Protein backbone atom coordinates (compact mmCIF):
# COMPACT_ATOMS: atom_id res chain seq x y z
CA MET A 1 16.84 13.31 -103.49
CA VAL A 2 18.16 14.24 -106.91
CA PRO A 3 20.77 16.95 -107.24
CA ASP A 4 20.03 20.21 -109.04
CA ASN A 5 20.10 19.72 -112.81
CA LYS A 6 22.66 22.53 -113.05
CA VAL A 7 25.10 20.37 -111.18
CA LEU A 8 24.39 17.23 -113.19
CA ASP A 9 24.83 19.12 -116.39
CA THR A 10 28.47 19.88 -115.53
CA MET A 11 29.37 16.22 -115.30
CA LYS A 12 31.07 14.51 -118.18
CA LEU A 13 31.75 10.89 -116.88
CA THR A 14 32.13 7.94 -119.09
CA ARG A 15 31.24 4.31 -118.06
CA ARG A 16 34.91 3.42 -118.26
CA THR A 17 36.16 6.09 -115.92
CA LEU A 18 33.09 5.44 -113.56
CA LEU A 19 33.93 1.72 -113.35
CA GLY A 20 37.58 2.68 -112.81
CA GLY A 21 36.55 4.67 -109.70
CA ILE A 22 33.99 2.16 -108.41
CA SER A 23 36.50 -0.68 -108.60
CA ALA A 24 38.63 1.06 -105.99
CA ALA A 25 35.55 1.35 -103.73
CA GLY A 26 36.85 3.98 -101.41
CA ALA A 27 40.08 4.46 -99.72
CA THR A 28 41.96 1.38 -98.40
CA LEU A 29 45.36 0.34 -97.57
CA ALA A 30 47.64 -1.70 -99.81
CA PHE A 31 50.46 -3.67 -98.35
CA SER A 32 53.70 -2.24 -99.67
CA GLY A 33 56.40 -4.03 -97.58
CA PHE A 34 58.06 -3.98 -94.22
CA ALA A 35 58.53 -0.75 -92.26
CA SER A 36 62.04 0.64 -92.55
CA ALA A 37 63.48 3.99 -91.59
CA SER A 38 65.57 6.02 -93.99
CA SER A 39 68.67 4.88 -92.11
CA GLY A 40 67.93 1.23 -93.07
CA GLU A 41 66.86 0.24 -89.69
CA ARG A 42 63.76 -1.94 -89.42
CA GLN A 43 60.76 -1.27 -87.27
CA TYR A 44 59.19 -3.87 -84.90
CA ILE A 45 56.11 -4.05 -82.88
CA VAL A 46 57.03 -5.62 -79.46
CA ARG A 47 54.81 -7.01 -76.63
CA VAL A 48 56.53 -6.94 -73.23
CA THR A 49 55.78 -8.30 -69.71
CA GLY A 50 57.12 -7.08 -66.41
CA ASN A 51 59.23 -4.09 -65.63
CA GLY A 52 62.54 -2.90 -67.23
CA ALA A 53 61.88 -4.10 -70.66
CA VAL A 54 62.71 -0.69 -72.32
CA ASP A 55 66.09 -0.49 -70.61
CA ARG A 56 66.97 -4.15 -71.61
CA ILE A 57 65.92 -3.56 -75.21
CA GLU A 58 67.92 -0.33 -75.45
CA GLU A 59 70.93 -2.02 -73.88
CA ASN A 60 70.80 -4.36 -76.92
CA ASP A 61 71.24 -1.40 -79.24
CA TYR A 62 67.61 -0.97 -80.25
CA THR A 63 65.70 2.32 -80.11
CA VAL A 64 62.23 2.42 -78.48
CA ARG A 65 60.19 5.02 -80.45
CA HIS A 66 56.79 4.56 -78.78
CA GLU A 67 55.60 3.12 -75.48
CA LEU A 68 51.92 2.29 -75.92
CA ALA A 69 49.20 0.88 -73.64
CA ASP A 70 51.07 1.83 -70.51
CA GLY A 71 54.31 0.31 -71.74
CA GLU A 72 52.84 -3.14 -72.66
CA VAL A 73 53.42 -2.70 -76.35
CA LEU A 74 56.54 -0.99 -77.75
CA VAL A 75 57.48 0.25 -81.25
CA VAL A 76 61.11 -0.43 -81.75
CA THR A 77 63.71 0.25 -84.45
CA GLY A 78 66.94 -1.77 -84.95
CA PRO A 79 68.84 -4.03 -87.36
CA ALA A 80 67.15 -5.91 -90.08
CA ASP A 81 65.99 -9.44 -89.50
CA SER A 82 66.44 -9.38 -85.76
CA ALA A 83 62.86 -10.27 -84.49
CA ALA A 84 64.31 -13.41 -83.08
CA ASP A 85 67.07 -11.48 -81.29
CA LEU A 86 64.54 -9.20 -79.73
CA GLU A 87 62.52 -12.09 -78.54
CA SER A 88 65.50 -13.37 -76.71
CA VAL A 89 65.58 -10.14 -74.62
CA PRO A 90 64.24 -10.80 -71.06
CA SER A 91 60.68 -9.46 -70.59
CA VAL A 92 59.93 -9.60 -74.46
CA ALA A 93 56.91 -11.80 -74.98
CA ALA A 94 56.72 -11.40 -78.79
CA ALA A 95 58.40 -9.25 -81.50
CA HIS A 96 57.03 -8.87 -85.09
CA ARG A 97 58.33 -7.03 -88.12
CA ASP A 98 56.12 -3.90 -88.67
CA VAL A 99 54.52 -3.47 -92.06
CA MET A 100 53.88 -0.53 -94.34
CA PHE A 101 50.71 0.33 -96.18
CA GLU A 102 49.99 2.78 -99.01
CA LEU A 103 46.68 4.62 -99.11
CA ARG A 104 44.57 3.80 -102.22
CA GLN A 105 41.85 6.10 -103.15
CA PRO A 106 39.22 5.95 -105.95
CA GLU A 107 40.19 7.54 -109.08
CA VAL A 108 37.31 9.04 -111.16
CA ASP A 109 38.65 10.68 -114.33
CA SER A 110 36.09 13.30 -114.87
CA GLU A 111 36.14 16.33 -117.10
CA PRO A 112 33.44 18.54 -115.68
CA GLU A 113 32.81 22.03 -116.87
CA ALA A 114 33.34 24.80 -114.48
CA LEU A 115 30.41 25.48 -112.25
CA GLY A 116 28.71 28.80 -112.11
CA GLU A 117 27.07 29.72 -108.89
CA GLU A 118 28.01 27.35 -106.16
CA PRO A 119 25.10 24.87 -105.37
CA ALA A 120 23.46 24.44 -101.95
CA LEU A 121 25.90 21.75 -100.76
CA ARG A 122 23.98 20.84 -97.72
CA ASP A 123 21.11 19.68 -100.10
CA LEU A 124 23.51 17.07 -101.47
CA GLN A 125 24.27 15.41 -98.06
CA TRP A 126 21.86 12.67 -98.23
CA ASP A 127 23.93 10.82 -95.68
CA LYS A 128 22.99 13.33 -93.06
CA ASP A 129 19.28 13.39 -93.91
CA ILE A 130 18.97 9.63 -93.73
CA GLN A 131 20.38 9.70 -90.09
CA GLN A 132 18.13 12.82 -89.11
CA VAL A 133 21.17 14.74 -88.24
CA SER A 134 19.72 18.16 -88.57
CA LYS A 135 16.96 17.23 -86.03
CA ALA A 136 19.57 15.74 -83.77
CA HIS A 137 21.31 19.12 -83.76
CA GLU A 138 18.25 20.50 -82.12
CA VAL A 139 19.27 18.40 -79.09
CA THR A 140 23.13 18.88 -79.30
CA THR A 141 25.83 19.62 -81.90
CA GLY A 142 28.62 18.00 -79.91
CA GLU A 143 29.78 20.90 -77.89
CA GLY A 144 32.63 19.94 -75.53
CA ALA A 145 33.46 16.69 -77.26
CA ARG A 146 36.76 15.92 -78.90
CA ILE A 147 37.18 13.81 -82.05
CA ALA A 148 40.56 12.48 -82.97
CA ILE A 149 41.06 11.74 -86.66
CA VAL A 150 43.91 9.17 -87.19
CA ASP A 151 44.56 9.47 -90.91
CA THR A 152 46.47 11.53 -93.48
CA GLY A 153 45.97 14.73 -91.56
CA ILE A 154 43.41 17.48 -91.91
CA ASP A 155 43.48 20.70 -94.01
CA LEU A 156 44.21 23.30 -91.40
CA ASN A 157 42.91 26.09 -93.43
CA HIS A 158 39.48 24.75 -94.61
CA PRO A 159 36.69 27.21 -94.06
CA ASP A 160 34.45 24.46 -92.79
CA LEU A 161 36.92 23.06 -90.47
CA ALA A 162 37.69 25.97 -88.11
CA ASN A 163 37.13 23.66 -85.17
CA VAL A 164 40.48 21.85 -85.73
CA ASN A 165 42.82 22.10 -82.75
CA GLU A 166 46.15 22.37 -84.54
CA GLY A 167 47.93 22.68 -81.17
CA LEU A 168 47.05 19.26 -80.11
CA GLY A 169 47.64 17.78 -83.49
CA ALA A 170 50.46 15.28 -83.95
CA ALA A 171 52.17 13.29 -86.54
CA PHE A 172 53.63 9.81 -86.12
CA VAL A 173 55.81 8.64 -88.99
CA LEU A 174 58.76 6.43 -89.18
CA ASP A 175 61.49 9.09 -89.86
CA ASP A 176 59.89 11.56 -87.37
CA ASP A 177 59.92 14.50 -89.93
CA VAL A 178 57.10 16.01 -87.95
CA PRO A 179 58.46 19.60 -88.05
CA GLU A 180 58.47 19.47 -91.89
CA PHE A 181 54.76 18.81 -92.33
CA GLY A 182 52.86 18.62 -89.06
CA PRO A 183 49.30 17.39 -88.96
CA ASP A 184 48.33 19.08 -92.30
CA ASP A 185 46.80 16.86 -95.05
CA PRO A 186 48.55 16.60 -98.51
CA ASP A 187 46.30 13.60 -99.49
CA GLY A 188 42.63 14.50 -98.94
CA HIS A 189 41.46 11.40 -97.21
CA GLY A 190 41.79 12.63 -93.67
CA THR A 191 40.15 15.97 -94.48
CA HIS A 192 37.10 14.21 -95.99
CA VAL A 193 36.89 11.88 -93.00
CA ALA A 194 37.08 14.83 -90.60
CA GLY A 195 34.37 16.83 -92.37
CA THR A 196 32.10 13.79 -92.33
CA ALA A 197 32.41 13.69 -88.58
CA ALA A 198 32.42 17.44 -87.68
CA ALA A 199 32.42 20.00 -90.35
CA THR A 200 31.07 23.26 -88.99
CA GLY A 201 28.72 24.12 -91.81
CA ALA A 202 30.16 27.67 -91.80
CA THR A 203 30.44 27.64 -95.61
CA SER A 204 29.01 24.62 -97.53
CA VAL A 205 28.68 21.27 -95.60
CA VAL A 206 27.90 20.11 -92.11
CA GLY A 207 29.28 17.16 -90.16
CA THR A 208 27.46 14.97 -87.71
CA ALA A 209 28.98 16.84 -84.67
CA PRO A 210 29.78 20.40 -85.87
CA GLY A 211 30.19 21.66 -82.39
CA ALA A 212 32.87 19.18 -81.54
CA GLU A 213 36.63 19.77 -81.57
CA LEU A 214 38.67 17.96 -84.26
CA ILE A 215 42.28 16.69 -83.51
CA PRO A 216 44.39 15.80 -86.53
CA ILE A 217 46.68 12.74 -85.87
CA ARG A 218 48.66 12.08 -88.98
CA VAL A 219 50.17 8.62 -89.54
CA PHE A 220 51.13 9.00 -93.21
CA PRO A 221 54.46 10.67 -94.14
CA GLU A 222 54.78 13.34 -97.04
CA ASP A 223 55.37 10.43 -99.40
CA GLY A 224 54.90 6.72 -99.09
CA GLY A 225 53.08 4.46 -96.64
CA ALA A 226 52.13 4.38 -93.00
CA ALA A 227 53.73 1.83 -90.62
CA PHE A 228 51.28 -0.18 -88.58
CA GLY A 229 53.05 0.71 -85.32
CA ASP A 230 52.44 4.41 -86.02
CA ILE A 231 48.80 3.85 -86.45
CA LEU A 232 48.77 2.30 -83.08
CA ALA A 233 50.81 5.13 -81.62
CA GLY A 234 48.23 7.56 -83.09
CA ILE A 235 45.35 5.64 -81.29
CA ASP A 236 47.36 5.66 -78.02
CA TYR A 237 47.98 9.45 -78.29
CA ALA A 238 44.30 10.05 -78.86
CA ALA A 239 43.54 8.41 -75.51
CA GLU A 240 46.49 10.33 -73.87
CA ILE A 241 44.91 13.67 -74.86
CA GLY A 242 41.42 12.59 -73.76
CA ALA A 243 39.78 12.34 -77.02
CA ASP A 244 36.12 11.12 -76.63
CA VAL A 245 36.46 9.14 -79.88
CA ALA A 246 39.23 8.19 -82.13
CA ASN A 247 38.43 7.33 -85.75
CA PHE A 248 40.67 5.31 -88.07
CA SER A 249 39.21 4.87 -91.57
CA LEU A 250 42.19 2.57 -92.31
CA GLY A 251 42.64 -1.18 -92.54
CA ILE A 252 44.69 -3.85 -94.20
CA PRO A 253 43.31 -4.94 -97.58
CA ASP A 254 41.48 -8.20 -98.19
CA VAL A 255 39.97 -10.58 -95.65
CA GLN A 256 42.80 -12.41 -94.06
CA GLU A 257 42.77 -16.13 -93.23
CA PRO A 258 43.34 -17.27 -89.59
CA GLU A 259 46.80 -18.54 -90.41
CA ALA A 260 47.89 -15.32 -92.12
CA ALA A 261 51.09 -13.73 -90.86
CA LEU A 262 49.29 -10.48 -90.00
CA ASN A 263 47.31 -12.38 -87.47
CA GLN A 264 50.42 -12.30 -85.33
CA LEU A 265 49.82 -8.65 -84.61
CA ARG A 266 46.30 -9.09 -83.27
CA ALA A 267 47.32 -9.33 -79.62
CA GLU A 268 49.31 -6.09 -79.89
CA VAL A 269 46.46 -4.35 -81.55
CA GLN A 270 44.00 -5.50 -78.90
CA THR A 271 46.33 -4.51 -76.14
CA VAL A 272 46.73 -0.90 -77.42
CA PHE A 273 42.97 -0.49 -78.28
CA GLN A 274 41.80 -1.86 -74.97
CA SER A 275 44.02 0.45 -73.06
CA ALA A 276 42.52 3.40 -75.13
CA THR A 277 38.97 2.42 -74.31
CA GLN A 278 39.73 1.86 -70.64
CA ARG A 279 40.95 5.47 -70.63
CA GLY A 280 37.62 6.55 -71.94
CA THR A 281 38.21 6.89 -75.74
CA VAL A 282 35.73 5.27 -77.98
CA ILE A 283 37.30 3.75 -81.12
CA THR A 284 35.46 3.71 -84.43
CA GLY A 285 36.91 1.81 -87.41
CA SER A 286 36.00 1.04 -91.03
CA ALA A 287 34.97 -2.55 -91.83
CA GLY A 288 36.93 -2.67 -95.05
CA ASN A 289 36.01 -2.49 -98.82
CA ASP A 290 36.51 -6.04 -100.07
CA GLU A 291 32.94 -7.29 -100.03
CA GLY A 292 34.40 -9.88 -97.84
CA ASN A 293 32.73 -12.19 -95.24
CA LEU A 294 34.42 -11.61 -91.89
CA GLN A 295 32.53 -14.50 -90.24
CA GLN A 296 32.83 -17.58 -92.30
CA GLY A 297 36.24 -19.42 -91.93
CA GLY A 298 37.43 -17.02 -89.16
CA GLY A 299 38.36 -14.25 -91.75
CA PHE A 300 39.53 -10.93 -90.28
CA THR A 301 40.97 -7.62 -91.03
CA LEU A 302 43.10 -5.26 -88.89
CA PRO A 303 42.95 -3.07 -86.81
CA ASN A 304 39.15 -3.31 -86.85
CA SER A 305 38.70 -7.04 -86.03
CA VAL A 306 39.26 -6.67 -82.37
CA PRO A 307 36.41 -6.33 -79.75
CA ALA A 308 37.60 -2.79 -78.66
CA VAL A 309 36.57 -1.17 -81.92
CA ILE A 310 33.00 -0.12 -83.10
CA THR A 311 33.33 -1.74 -86.57
CA VAL A 312 31.21 0.07 -89.23
CA SER A 313 29.89 -1.24 -92.52
CA ALA A 314 28.82 1.10 -95.33
CA THR A 315 25.21 1.73 -96.47
CA SER A 316 23.56 3.30 -99.61
CA PRO A 317 21.06 5.95 -100.03
CA ALA A 318 18.56 3.22 -100.24
CA ASP A 319 19.57 1.88 -96.84
CA THR A 320 21.17 -1.25 -98.49
CA ARG A 321 24.67 -2.55 -97.74
CA SER A 322 26.93 -0.90 -100.29
CA PHE A 323 28.30 -3.49 -102.71
CA TYR A 324 31.99 -3.14 -101.60
CA SER A 325 31.53 -3.24 -97.87
CA ASN A 326 32.77 -6.19 -95.72
CA PHE A 327 30.13 -7.89 -93.59
CA GLY A 328 29.83 -10.62 -90.97
CA THR A 329 28.07 -10.93 -87.70
CA SER A 330 31.34 -11.54 -85.92
CA ASP A 331 32.79 -8.12 -86.84
CA ILE A 332 30.08 -5.54 -87.77
CA ASP A 333 28.72 -3.52 -84.84
CA VAL A 334 26.72 -0.91 -86.72
CA ALA A 335 26.18 0.40 -90.22
CA ALA A 336 26.43 3.98 -91.48
CA PRO A 337 26.15 5.82 -94.82
CA GLY A 338 29.27 5.24 -96.87
CA GLY A 339 27.94 5.78 -100.35
CA TRP A 340 27.02 3.92 -103.55
CA TYR A 341 24.36 1.32 -103.94
CA GLU A 342 24.26 -2.46 -103.42
CA THR A 343 25.43 -3.08 -107.08
CA VAL A 344 27.63 -1.39 -109.58
CA GLU A 345 24.79 -1.21 -112.09
CA ARG A 346 22.53 0.65 -109.69
CA THR A 347 25.38 2.94 -108.66
CA LEU A 348 25.98 3.89 -112.28
CA GLY A 349 22.09 4.32 -112.84
CA GLU A 350 21.94 1.37 -115.36
CA GLU A 351 19.29 -0.13 -113.11
CA GLY A 352 17.58 0.83 -109.90
CA GLN A 353 14.45 2.67 -108.70
CA GLU A 354 12.91 5.98 -109.49
CA GLY A 355 14.39 8.65 -107.32
CA ASP A 356 17.77 7.02 -107.10
CA ILE A 357 20.60 9.54 -106.64
CA PRO A 358 22.88 9.43 -109.62
CA PHE A 359 26.73 8.92 -109.61
CA PRO A 360 28.82 10.53 -108.13
CA PHE A 361 26.21 12.26 -105.98
CA ASN A 362 25.38 8.93 -104.31
CA GLY A 363 28.72 9.14 -102.69
CA VAL A 364 29.33 11.07 -99.44
CA LEU A 365 30.01 14.76 -99.90
CA SER A 366 32.47 16.23 -97.48
CA THR A 367 35.32 18.63 -97.10
CA TYR A 368 38.53 18.24 -99.19
CA PRO A 369 41.85 20.21 -99.15
CA THR A 370 41.28 23.56 -100.87
CA ASP A 371 44.45 23.29 -102.75
CA GLN A 372 43.53 20.07 -104.43
CA GLU A 373 41.46 19.39 -107.57
CA SER A 374 37.96 18.24 -106.97
CA SER A 375 36.50 15.71 -109.46
CA VAL A 376 33.22 17.74 -109.51
CA GLU A 377 34.93 21.08 -109.81
CA ILE A 378 33.80 22.37 -106.35
CA PRO A 379 37.01 23.49 -104.70
CA GLY A 380 37.32 22.31 -101.13
CA TYR A 381 34.61 19.62 -101.37
CA GLU A 382 34.47 16.08 -102.86
CA PHE A 383 32.23 12.94 -103.15
CA LEU A 384 33.91 9.81 -102.00
CA SER A 385 32.55 6.40 -101.03
CA GLY A 386 33.77 3.63 -98.84
CA THR A 387 33.61 2.33 -95.29
CA SER A 388 36.17 5.05 -94.74
CA MET A 389 33.25 7.44 -95.16
CA ALA A 390 30.93 5.34 -92.79
CA ALA A 391 33.13 5.14 -89.79
CA PRO A 392 33.35 8.91 -89.11
CA GLN A 393 29.50 9.21 -89.25
CA VAL A 394 29.69 7.02 -86.08
CA ALA A 395 32.53 8.96 -84.65
CA GLY A 396 30.46 12.14 -84.97
CA LEU A 397 27.56 10.31 -83.17
CA VAL A 398 29.75 9.30 -80.39
CA ALA A 399 30.66 12.89 -79.97
CA LEU A 400 26.96 13.96 -79.77
CA VAL A 401 26.47 11.25 -77.12
CA ARG A 402 29.46 12.32 -74.98
CA SER A 403 28.49 16.02 -75.24
CA LEU A 404 25.25 15.06 -73.47
CA ASP A 405 26.78 12.71 -70.94
CA PRO A 406 30.56 13.09 -70.68
CA GLU A 407 30.66 10.54 -67.78
CA MET A 408 29.54 7.58 -70.09
CA ASN A 409 32.22 4.96 -70.37
CA ALA A 410 33.14 3.55 -73.73
CA ASN A 411 30.94 0.60 -73.49
CA GLN A 412 27.96 2.67 -72.42
CA VAL A 413 28.53 4.96 -75.44
CA GLU A 414 28.60 2.04 -77.76
CA ASN A 415 25.51 0.48 -76.31
CA ALA A 416 23.79 3.84 -76.77
CA VAL A 417 24.78 3.99 -80.40
CA LYS A 418 23.62 0.47 -80.98
CA GLN A 419 20.24 1.00 -79.17
CA GLY A 420 19.61 4.14 -81.29
CA ALA A 421 20.21 2.18 -84.61
CA GLU A 422 17.35 1.17 -86.88
CA SER A 423 16.55 -1.03 -89.83
CA VAL A 424 17.22 -4.45 -88.31
CA THR A 425 15.88 -6.59 -85.40
CA GLY A 426 18.44 -7.53 -82.68
CA ARG A 427 22.10 -6.60 -82.84
CA SER A 428 23.73 -9.36 -85.01
CA ASP A 429 22.62 -8.66 -88.65
CA SER A 430 25.53 -9.70 -90.91
CA ASP A 431 25.34 -6.54 -92.99
CA PHE A 432 24.17 -3.93 -90.41
CA GLY A 433 25.14 -5.27 -86.95
CA ALA A 434 22.84 -3.48 -84.64
CA GLY A 435 21.39 -1.39 -87.41
CA ARG A 436 22.10 1.69 -89.51
CA ILE A 437 22.75 4.49 -87.00
CA ASN A 438 20.12 7.21 -86.32
CA ALA A 439 21.45 10.38 -84.79
CA LEU A 440 18.12 11.72 -83.62
CA ASP A 441 16.92 8.57 -81.92
CA THR A 442 20.28 8.08 -80.29
CA VAL A 443 20.65 11.57 -78.78
CA SER A 444 16.88 11.62 -77.78
CA ALA A 445 17.22 8.48 -75.74
CA VAL A 446 20.43 9.84 -74.08
CA ALA A 447 18.91 13.12 -73.32
CA ASP A 448 15.82 11.59 -71.78
CA LYS A 449 17.81 9.51 -69.30
């Protein structure tokens, strides 16, 4: 599908600025240091065993901010360089310094002319067409399902996001300045993710599950990075409020080696995520944008490289793995549209096939904060690409499944999503896992049971 020429004619994008945007390959996290409060105290992620751990920790002059996974994992603040002291407290099995991550997003420096009449934006949503989402909506639109977006927040005033439940929204940040900003989105990433999953279509774009409820769970402060412990707290909160699915389009940069220091956090991540799925919340996560092999040599990323997550790779309009997407049979569960083609050259239109969608329209179009500049001069809407955009496609599909059968447990929902996927044989393709998701096939199979 090629966008309307009127839209194309407004774009003034140079090769240099296109490559600058493509090199970022969607939003990722960049390590920015260890987590510290404004008071100077450090934050730690602590795994405990037995009863009374919270009291013992607080008796040693630490503050317990979050109790996760029924108290098995704690997020604690205290003096600097005291992980060893924490581990000496009875009932503490392990204590690790928490880490901070900044959000990196693609930067496409465009100078488009102002658009005249607004285009038919649904026609630019190739990602929904390839999944047969419109036909799936004849079966269900996700009514009664709840999707938690653990991210930068959601634009609370967007016309295509009237299904946001602000009252259940929450913010988890190190300095607890929740009253100052709440679950609104000053960045744009979370709003784009939310619209991909469940935009209502009231104005311009539609999500996979437009009838579902969206819950904004913000883990990024007004300025600066997110602490890993707060991301875990957001997932735990999603399970606490009974979310059918929690999406995190966030992950550490680069493929980590097995001996990497961040590997020390895997046990705590697994504990929190397993607790959430046991409570009924399916977790969908992005595979990462480093074009890395998550199989050879035991490489991993976090939080997605744990069994409790449906890990999603990104695909192109041609049903190929997008060039930036991580891959590997050990991690990838399913694939979903994330935008851009299998090479930079095809993405830019320097090579490819007749009918290829030109850049930036071969990205994923979704909602964006109405008070922020759009690179294509369509206020409130933006094209982005990355595994960040692929994961919420699956989150929306989970909501469709749960709307049809609310009693399905997390494993049953995951199996339904995998069984409805297409494009591969079996469930262990290194690029696609069980396949690229198909909304119509999935909901039809569930409805026929």
